[in-house]
Amino acid sequence: MSPRSTSGSKPQSLRARLKEEARATILDAAEQVLAEQGLHAARMDDIAARVGVSVGTLYNYFEDRQQLLAALRDVRGRELLAMLDTELERSRGQPYRARLQGLLRCILEHSQLHFRLFSLMLEDVMQRGVARGQDLNDHHALWREISRRVEDLGRQGVEEGALRPEDARHYPTVLLGMVREMLFRQLTEKQPEPVDALISLLLRCFLEGAAPRPG
């Protein structure tokens, strides 16, 4: 996974752009079918029918369902990183707390948008008892990139006095640990919670602590 900017690369040819758009359409359709039928019940034929192409055309893009699932995980991860970068650029110049709130909203809303898919994928890992090596590597790579953005933003928090400088290196682990556990609970219980309430809780606990407020 390479979330870095590719603005210096050559413009895509029309053929390559059409192929990329077709691939994205297939992945969107695959997510819909998987969400409706389940991770193992959905067939490549069902996905092809949803797109409106032959199953042979589908196999021109993906060798098998496992490769399709890997591509789906990858593209959703890339979308999240792109959303975070867009939000961080949009909020440039705003106070740390407001920018952190926007970053958390991106993560939580993205999770809810693809809630059924992520829930099924997590359930599959739990049933197998272990994640496949490449899946695990991709998962860690995604969260490392998210952590890097939290760390970069945290420097602003230190400069503004919102965060203590002596603990700065621990902040991405602490914050994202809370986020991941919240997401894990929702996905395992198959019950999404209101995003605004979760953001308020995260900001309160991370920036103000969990101790009762005086008076």
C-alpha atoms as a PDB file:
ATOM      1  CA  MET A   1       0.000   0.000   0.000  1.00  0.00           C
ATOM      2  CA  SER A   2       1.445   3.354  -1.013  1.00  0.00           C
ATOM      3  CA  PRO A   3      -0.639   6.283   0.238  1.00  0.00           C
ATOM      4  CA  ARG A   4       1.903   8.871  -0.841  1.00  0.00           C
ATOM      5  CA  SER A   5       1.002  11.402  -3.492  1.00  0.00           C
ATOM      6  CA  THR A   6       1.350  10.318  -7.113  1.00  0.00           C
ATOM      7  CA  SER A   7       0.938  13.786  -8.595  1.00  0.00           C
ATOM      8  CA  GLY A   8       4.258  13.425 -10.408  1.00  0.00           C
ATOM      9  CA  SER A   9       3.201  10.339 -12.341  1.00  0.00           C
ATOM     10  CA  LYS A  10       2.182  10.416 -16.010  1.00  0.00           C
ATOM     11  CA  PRO A  11      -1.505  10.998 -16.874  1.00  0.00           C
ATOM     12  CA  GLN A  12      -3.459   7.791 -17.293  1.00  0.00           C
ATOM     13  CA  SER A  13      -4.433   6.664 -20.776  1.00  0.00           C
ATOM     14  CA  LEU A  14      -8.143   6.482 -21.540  1.00  0.00           C
ATOM     15  CA  ARG A  15      -7.969   2.688 -21.608  1.00  0.00           C
ATOM     16  CA  ALA A  16      -6.271   2.527 -18.201  1.00  0.00           C
ATOM     17  CA  ARG A  17      -8.763   4.981 -16.717  1.00  0.00           C
ATOM     18  CA  LEU A  18     -11.740   2.998 -18.025  1.00  0.00           C
ATOM     19  CA  LYS A  19     -10.244  -0.204 -16.653  1.00  0.00           C
ATOM     20  CA  GLU A  20      -9.755   1.414 -13.254  1.00  0.00           C
ATOM     21  CA  GLU A  21     -13.346   2.672 -13.238  1.00  0.00           C
ATOM     22  CA  ALA A  22     -14.619  -0.791 -14.157  1.00  0.00           C
ATOM     23  CA  ARG A  23     -12.544  -2.312 -11.358  1.00  0.00           C
ATOM     24  CA  ALA A  24     -14.004   0.170  -8.861  1.00  0.00           C
ATOM     25  CA  THR A  25     -17.534  -0.670 -10.063  1.00  0.00           C
ATOM     26  CA  ILE A  26     -16.865  -4.379  -9.561  1.00  0.00           C
ATOM     27  CA  LEU A  27     -15.545  -3.803  -6.039  1.00  0.00           C
ATOM     28  CA  ASP A  28     -18.552  -1.675  -5.085  1.00  0.00           C
ATOM     29  CA  ALA A  29     -20.878  -4.386  -6.384  1.00  0.00           C
ATOM     30  CA  ALA A  30     -18.872  -7.047  -4.564  1.00  0.00           C
ATOM     31  CA  GLU A  31     -19.262  -5.190  -1.284  1.00  0.00           C
ATOM     32  CA  GLN A  32     -23.022  -4.997  -1.767  1.00  0.00           C
ATOM     33  CA  VAL A  33     -23.334  -8.711  -2.543  1.00  0.00           C
ATOM     34  CA  LEU A  34     -21.043  -9.728   0.321  1.00  0.00           C
ATOM     35  CA  ALA A  35     -23.000  -7.556   2.744  1.00  0.00           C
ATOM     36  CA  GLU A  36     -26.287  -9.135   1.629  1.00  0.00           C
ATOM     37  CA  GLN A  37     -25.253 -12.792   1.323  1.00  0.00           C
ATOM     38  CA  GLY A  38     -22.246 -13.173   3.610  1.00  0.00           C
ATOM     39  CA  LEU A  39     -18.540 -13.532   3.026  1.00  0.00           C
ATOM     40  CA  HIS A  40     -18.619 -17.223   2.079  1.00  0.00           C
ATOM     41  CA  ALA A  41     -22.099 -17.545   0.590  1.00  0.00           C
ATOM     42  CA  ALA A  42     -21.607 -14.900  -2.098  1.00  0.00           C
ATOM     43  CA  ARG A  43     -20.390 -16.301  -5.420  1.00  0.00           C
ATOM     44  CA  MET A  44     -18.417 -14.653  -8.191  1.00  0.00           C
ATOM     45  CA  ASP A  45     -21.442 -15.303 -10.446  1.00  0.00           C
ATOM     46  CA  ASP A  46     -23.591 -13.224  -8.086  1.00  0.00           C
ATOM     47  CA  ILE A  47     -21.134 -10.349  -8.186  1.00  0.00           C
ATOM     48  CA  ALA A  48     -20.885 -10.497 -11.987  1.00  0.00           C
ATOM     49  CA  ALA A  49     -24.685 -10.446 -12.240  1.00  0.00           C
ATOM     50  CA  ARG A  50     -24.844  -7.382  -9.963  1.00  0.00           C
ATOM     51  CA  VAL A  51     -22.376  -5.552 -12.216  1.00  0.00           C
ATOM     52  CA  GLY A  52     -24.090  -6.766 -15.381  1.00  0.00           C
ATOM     53  CA  VAL A  53     -21.115  -8.587 -16.894  1.00  0.00           C
ATOM     54  CA  SER A  54     -20.206 -12.211 -17.499  1.00  0.00           C
ATOM     55  CA  VAL A  55     -18.323 -14.063 -14.790  1.00  0.00           C
ATOM     56  CA  GLY A  56     -15.501 -14.464 -17.304  1.00  0.00           C
ATOM     57  CA  THR A  57     -15.126 -10.690 -17.422  1.00  0.00           C
ATOM     58  CA  LEU A  58     -14.917 -10.668 -13.646  1.00  0.00           C
ATOM     59  CA  TYR A  59     -12.059 -13.152 -13.743  1.00  0.00           C
ATOM     60  CA  ASN A  60     -10.200 -10.823 -16.101  1.00  0.00           C
ATOM     61  CA  TYR A  61      -9.858  -8.469 -13.127  1.00  0.00           C
ATOM     62  CA  PHE A  62      -9.559 -10.906 -10.222  1.00  0.00           C
ATOM     63  CA  GLU A  63      -8.227 -14.464 -10.283  1.00  0.00           C
ATOM     64  CA  ASP A  64     -10.527 -15.621  -7.497  1.00  0.00           C
ATOM     65  CA  ARG A  65     -12.696 -14.393  -4.655  1.00  0.00           C
ATOM     66  CA  GLN A  66      -9.739 -14.186  -2.272  1.00  0.00           C
ATOM     67  CA  GLN A  67      -7.940 -11.782  -4.568  1.00  0.00           C
ATOM     68  CA  LEU A  68     -11.128  -9.741  -4.906  1.00  0.00           C
ATOM     69  CA  LEU A  69     -11.474  -9.521  -1.122  1.00  0.00           C
ATOM     70  CA  ALA A  70      -7.862  -8.431  -0.785  1.00  0.00           C
ATOM     71  CA  ALA A  71      -8.422  -5.720  -3.382  1.00  0.00           C
ATOM     72  CA  LEU A  72     -11.566  -4.587  -1.576  1.00  0.00           C
ATOM     73  CA  ARG A  73      -9.695  -4.259   1.722  1.00  0.00           C
ATOM     74  CA  ASP A  74      -6.897  -2.389   0.015  1.00  0.00           C
ATOM     75  CA  VAL A  75      -9.090   0.105  -1.804  1.00  0.00           C
ATOM     76  CA  ARG A  76     -11.157   0.874   1.296  1.00  0.00           C
ATOM     77  CA  GLY A  77      -7.938   1.513   3.223  1.00  0.00           C
ATOM     78  CA  ARG A  78      -6.673   3.836   0.511  1.00  0.00           C
ATOM     79  CA  GLU A  79      -9.979   5.689   0.503  1.00  0.00           C
ATOM     80  CA  LEU A  80      -9.715   6.269   4.245  1.00  0.00           C
ATOM     81  CA  LEU A  81      -6.182   7.648   3.987  1.00  0.00           C
ATOM     82  CA  ALA A  82      -7.259   9.946   1.147  1.00  0.00           C
ATOM     83  CA  MET A  83     -10.172  11.176   3.279  1.00  0.00           C
ATOM     84  CA  LEU A  84      -7.831  11.885   6.196  1.00  0.00           C
ATOM     85  CA  ASP A  85      -5.423  13.825   3.985  1.00  0.00           C
ATOM     86  CA  THR A  86      -8.252  15.846   2.474  1.00  0.00           C
ATOM     87  CA  GLU A  87      -9.627  16.664   5.925  1.00  0.00           C
ATOM     88  CA  LEU A  88      -6.228  17.627   7.326  1.00  0.00           C
ATOM     89  CA  GLU A  89      -5.629  19.926   4.377  1.00  0.00           C
ATOM     90  CA  ARG A  90      -9.113  21.430   4.649  1.00  0.00           C
ATOM     91  CA  SER A  91      -8.712  22.138   8.373  1.00  0.00           C
ATOM     92  CA  ARG A  92      -5.239  23.650   8.085  1.00  0.00           C
ATOM     93  CA  GLY A  93      -5.090  26.777  10.257  1.00  0.00           C
ATOM     94  CA  GLN A  94      -7.789  25.596  12.663  1.00  0.00           C
ATOM     95  CA  PRO A  95      -7.112  24.750  16.352  1.00  0.00           C
ATOM     96  CA  TYR A  96      -5.784  21.297  17.201  1.00  0.00           C
ATOM     97  CA  ARG A  97      -8.989  20.080  18.837  1.00  0.00           C
ATOM     98  CA  ALA A  98     -11.088  20.957  15.783  1.00  0.00           C
ATOM     99  CA  ARG A  99      -8.644  19.237  13.429  1.00  0.00           C
ATOM    100  CA  LEU A 100      -8.495  16.147  15.640  1.00  0.00           C
ATOM    101  CA  GLN A 101     -12.283  16.041  15.696  1.00  0.00           C
ATOM    102  CA  GLY A 102     -12.341  16.086  11.889  1.00  0.00           C
ATOM    103  CA  LEU A 103      -9.799  13.273  11.711  1.00  0.00           C
ATOM    104  CA  LEU A 104     -11.792  11.107  14.121  1.00  0.00           C
ATOM    105  CA  ARG A 105     -14.976  11.786  12.182  1.00  0.00           C
ATOM    106  CA  CYS A 106     -13.351  10.518   8.989  1.00  0.00           C
ATOM    107  CA  ILE A 107     -12.317   7.242  10.637  1.00  0.00           C
ATOM    108  CA  LEU A 108     -15.650   6.608  12.343  1.00  0.00           C
ATOM    109  CA  GLU A 109     -17.854   7.606   9.412  1.00  0.00           C
ATOM    110  CA  HIS A 110     -15.782   5.491   7.033  1.00  0.00           C
ATOM    111  CA  SER A 111     -16.233   2.532   9.378  1.00  0.00           C
ATOM    112  CA  GLN A 112     -19.993   3.041   9.485  1.00  0.00           C
ATOM    113  CA  LEU A 113     -20.239   3.461   5.711  1.00  0.00           C
ATOM    114  CA  HIS A 114     -18.679   0.013   5.264  1.00  0.00           C
ATOM    115  CA  PHE A 115     -19.892  -1.421   8.555  1.00  0.00           C
ATOM    116  CA  ARG A 116     -21.400  -4.656   7.241  1.00  0.00           C
ATOM    117  CA  LEU A 117     -18.304  -5.535   5.195  1.00  0.00           C
ATOM    118  CA  PHE A 118     -15.863  -4.840   8.026  1.00  0.00           C
ATOM    119  CA  SER A 119     -18.045  -6.776  10.464  1.00  0.00           C
ATOM    120  CA  LEU A 120     -18.059  -9.829   8.180  1.00  0.00           C
ATOM    121  CA  MET A 121     -14.303  -9.642   7.653  1.00  0.00           C
ATOM    122  CA  LEU A 122     -13.660  -9.433  11.389  1.00  0.00           C
ATOM    123  CA  GLU A 123     -16.036 -12.327  12.022  1.00  0.00           C
ATOM    124  CA  ASP A 124     -14.149 -14.400   9.445  1.00  0.00           C
ATOM    125  CA  VAL A 125     -10.816 -13.733  11.160  1.00  0.00           C
ATOM    126  CA  MET A 126     -12.256 -14.632  14.565  1.00  0.00           C
ATOM    127  CA  GLN A 127     -13.717 -17.882  13.236  1.00  0.00           C
ATOM    128  CA  ARG A 128     -10.413 -18.889  11.680  1.00  0.00           C
ATOM    129  CA  GLY A 129      -8.580 -17.887  14.864  1.00  0.00           C
ATOM    130  CA  VAL A 130      -5.787 -16.146  12.959  1.00  0.00           C
ATOM    131  CA  ALA A 131      -5.463 -13.607  10.184  1.00  0.00           C
ATOM    132  CA  ARG A 132      -3.718 -14.507   6.950  1.00  0.00           C
ATOM    133  CA  GLY A 133      -0.174 -13.165   6.796  1.00  0.00           C
ATOM    134  CA  GLN A 134      -0.754 -10.635   4.024  1.00  0.00           C
ATOM    135  CA  ASP A 135      -4.070  -9.511   5.497  1.00  0.00           C
ATOM    136  CA  LEU A 136      -2.352  -8.842   8.811  1.00  0.00           C
ATOM    137  CA  ASN A 137       0.491  -6.980   7.141  1.00  0.00           C
ATOM    138  CA  ASP A 138      -1.952  -4.790   5.221  1.00  0.00           C
ATOM    139  CA  HIS A 139      -3.945  -4.108   8.385  1.00  0.00           C
ATOM    140  CA  HIS A 140      -0.835  -3.020  10.285  1.00  0.00           C
ATOM    141  CA  ALA A 141       0.364  -0.925   7.342  1.00  0.00           C
ATOM    142  CA  LEU A 142      -2.946   0.955   7.242  1.00  0.00           C
ATOM    143  CA  TRP A 143      -2.881   1.747  10.959  1.00  0.00           C
ATOM    144  CA  ARG A 144       0.767   2.806  10.765  1.00  0.00           C
ATOM    145  CA  GLU A 145      -0.202   5.369   8.148  1.00  0.00           C
ATOM    146  CA  ILE A 146      -3.098   6.586  10.281  1.00  0.00           C
ATOM    147  CA  SER A 147      -0.752   6.758  13.281  1.00  0.00           C
ATOM    148  CA  ARG A 148       1.722   8.838  11.285  1.00  0.00           C
ATOM    149  CA  ARG A 149      -0.982  11.400  10.558  1.00  0.00           C
ATOM    150  CA  VAL A 150      -2.045  11.482  14.214  1.00  0.00           C
ATOM    151  CA  GLU A 151       1.581  11.989  15.225  1.00  0.00           C
ATOM    152  CA  ASP A 152       2.056  14.837  12.747  1.00  0.00           C
ATOM    153  CA  LEU A 153      -1.115  16.519  13.978  1.00  0.00           C
ATOM    154  CA  GLY A 154      -0.022  15.976  17.582  1.00  0.00           C
ATOM    155  CA  ARG A 155       2.885  18.365  17.087  1.00  0.00           C
ATOM    156  CA  GLN A 156       0.343  21.139  16.671  1.00  0.00           C
ATOM    157  CA  GLY A 157      -1.362  20.016  19.874  1.00  0.00           C
ATOM    158  CA  VAL A 158       1.943  20.276  21.747  1.00  0.00           C
ATOM    159  CA  GLU A 159       2.651  23.712  20.293  1.00  0.00           C
ATOM    160  CA  GLU A 160      -0.797  24.953  21.339  1.00  0.00           C
ATOM    161  CA  GLY A 161      -0.435  23.546  24.850  1.00  0.00           C
ATOM    162  CA  ALA A 162      -3.282  21.066  24.358  1.00  0.00           C
ATOM    163  CA  LEU A 163      -0.899  18.123  24.839  1.00  0.00           C
ATOM    164  CA  ARG A 164       2.021  17.600  27.222  1.00  0.00           C
ATOM    165  CA  PRO A 165       5.290  17.405  25.243  1.00  0.00           C
ATOM    166  CA  GLU A 166       6.904  14.747  27.472  1.00  0.00           C
ATOM    167  CA  ASP A 167       4.323  12.127  26.438  1.00  0.00           C
ATOM    168  CA  ALA A 168       4.087  13.068  22.762  1.00  0.00           C
ATOM    169  CA  ARG A 169       5.425   9.805  21.358  1.00  0.00           C
ATOM    170  CA  HIS A 170       2.701   7.830  23.138  1.00  0.00           C
ATOM    171  CA  TYR A 171      -0.287   9.850  21.941  1.00  0.00           C
ATOM    172  CA  PRO A 172      -0.933   8.047  18.618  1.00  0.00           C
ATOM    173  CA  THR A 173      -0.891   4.675  20.405  1.00  0.00           C
ATOM    174  CA  VAL A 174      -3.207   5.872  23.173  1.00  0.00           C
ATOM    175  CA  LEU A 175      -5.720   7.603  20.906  1.00  0.00           C
ATOM    176  CA  LEU A 176      -5.827   4.997  18.161  1.00  0.00           C
ATOM    177  CA  GLY A 177      -5.953   2.234  20.758  1.00  0.00           C
ATOM    178  CA  MET A 178      -9.214   3.737  22.009  1.00  0.00           C
ATOM    179  CA  VAL A 179     -10.529   4.143  18.458  1.00  0.00           C
ATOM    180  CA  ARG A 180      -9.697   0.574  17.469  1.00  0.00           C
ATOM    181  CA  GLU A 181     -11.286  -0.894  20.584  1.00  0.00           C
ATOM    182  CA  MET A 182     -14.445   1.140  19.972  1.00  0.00           C
ATOM    183  CA  LEU A 183     -14.599  -0.107  16.399  1.00  0.00           C
ATOM    184  CA  PHE A 184     -13.852  -3.683  17.472  1.00  0.00           C
ATOM    185  CA  ARG A 185     -16.708  -3.665  19.988  1.00  0.00           C
ATOM    186  CA  GLN A 186     -19.185  -2.272  17.470  1.00  0.00           C
ATOM    187  CA  LEU A 187     -18.158  -4.703  14.748  1.00  0.00           C
ATOM    188  CA  THR A 188     -18.241  -7.787  16.987  1.00  0.00           C
ATOM    189  CA  GLU A 189     -21.606  -6.761  18.438  1.00  0.00           C
ATOM    190  CA  LYS A 190     -22.798  -5.778  14.931  1.00  0.00           C
ATOM    191  CA  GLN A 191     -24.201  -2.614  16.413  1.00  0.00           C
ATOM    192  CA  PRO A 192     -22.931   0.765  15.164  1.00  0.00           C
ATOM    193  CA  GLU A 193     -23.150   3.691  17.582  1.00  0.00           C
ATOM    194  CA  PRO A 194     -23.784   7.389  16.849  1.00  0.00           C
ATOM    195  CA  VAL A 195     -20.621   8.973  15.492  1.00  0.00           C
ATOM    196  CA  ASP A 196     -21.055  12.294  17.311  1.00  0.00           C
ATOM    197  CA  ALA A 197     -21.361  10.556  20.687  1.00  0.00           C
ATOM    198  CA  LEU A 198     -18.221   8.508  20.029  1.00  0.00           C
ATOM    199  CA  ILE A 199     -16.247  11.580  18.964  1.00  0.00           C
ATOM    200  CA  SER A 200     -17.277  13.450  22.103  1.00  0.00           C
ATOM    201  CA  LEU A 201     -16.227  10.516  24.255  1.00  0.00           C
ATOM    202  CA  LEU A 202     -12.868  10.147  22.529  1.00  0.00           C
ATOM    203  CA  LEU A 203     -12.055  13.840  22.729  1.00  0.00           C
ATOM    204  CA  ARG A 204     -13.115  14.038  26.360  1.00  0.00           C
ATOM    205  CA  CYS A 205     -11.106  11.014  27.474  1.00  0.00           C
ATOM    206  CA  PHE A 206      -8.039  11.775  25.361  1.00  0.00           C
ATOM    207  CA  LEU A 207      -7.773  15.516  26.003  1.00  0.00           C
ATOM    208  CA  GLU A 208      -9.320  15.837  29.462  1.00  0.00           C
ATOM    209  CA  GLY A 209      -8.942  12.403  31.050  1.00  0.00           C
ATOM    210  CA  ALA A 210     -11.507  10.052  32.542  1.00  0.00           C
ATOM    211  CA  ALA A 211     -11.494  11.444  36.077  1.00  0.00           C
ATOM    212  CA  PRO A 212     -14.705  13.139  37.299  1.00  0.00           C
ATOM    213  CA  ARG A 213     -14.821  16.854  36.674  1.00  0.00           C
ATOM    214  CA  PRO A 214     -14.500  18.990  39.815  1.00  0.00           C
ATOM    215  CA  GLY A 215     -17.628  20.584  41.164  1.00  0.00           C
END
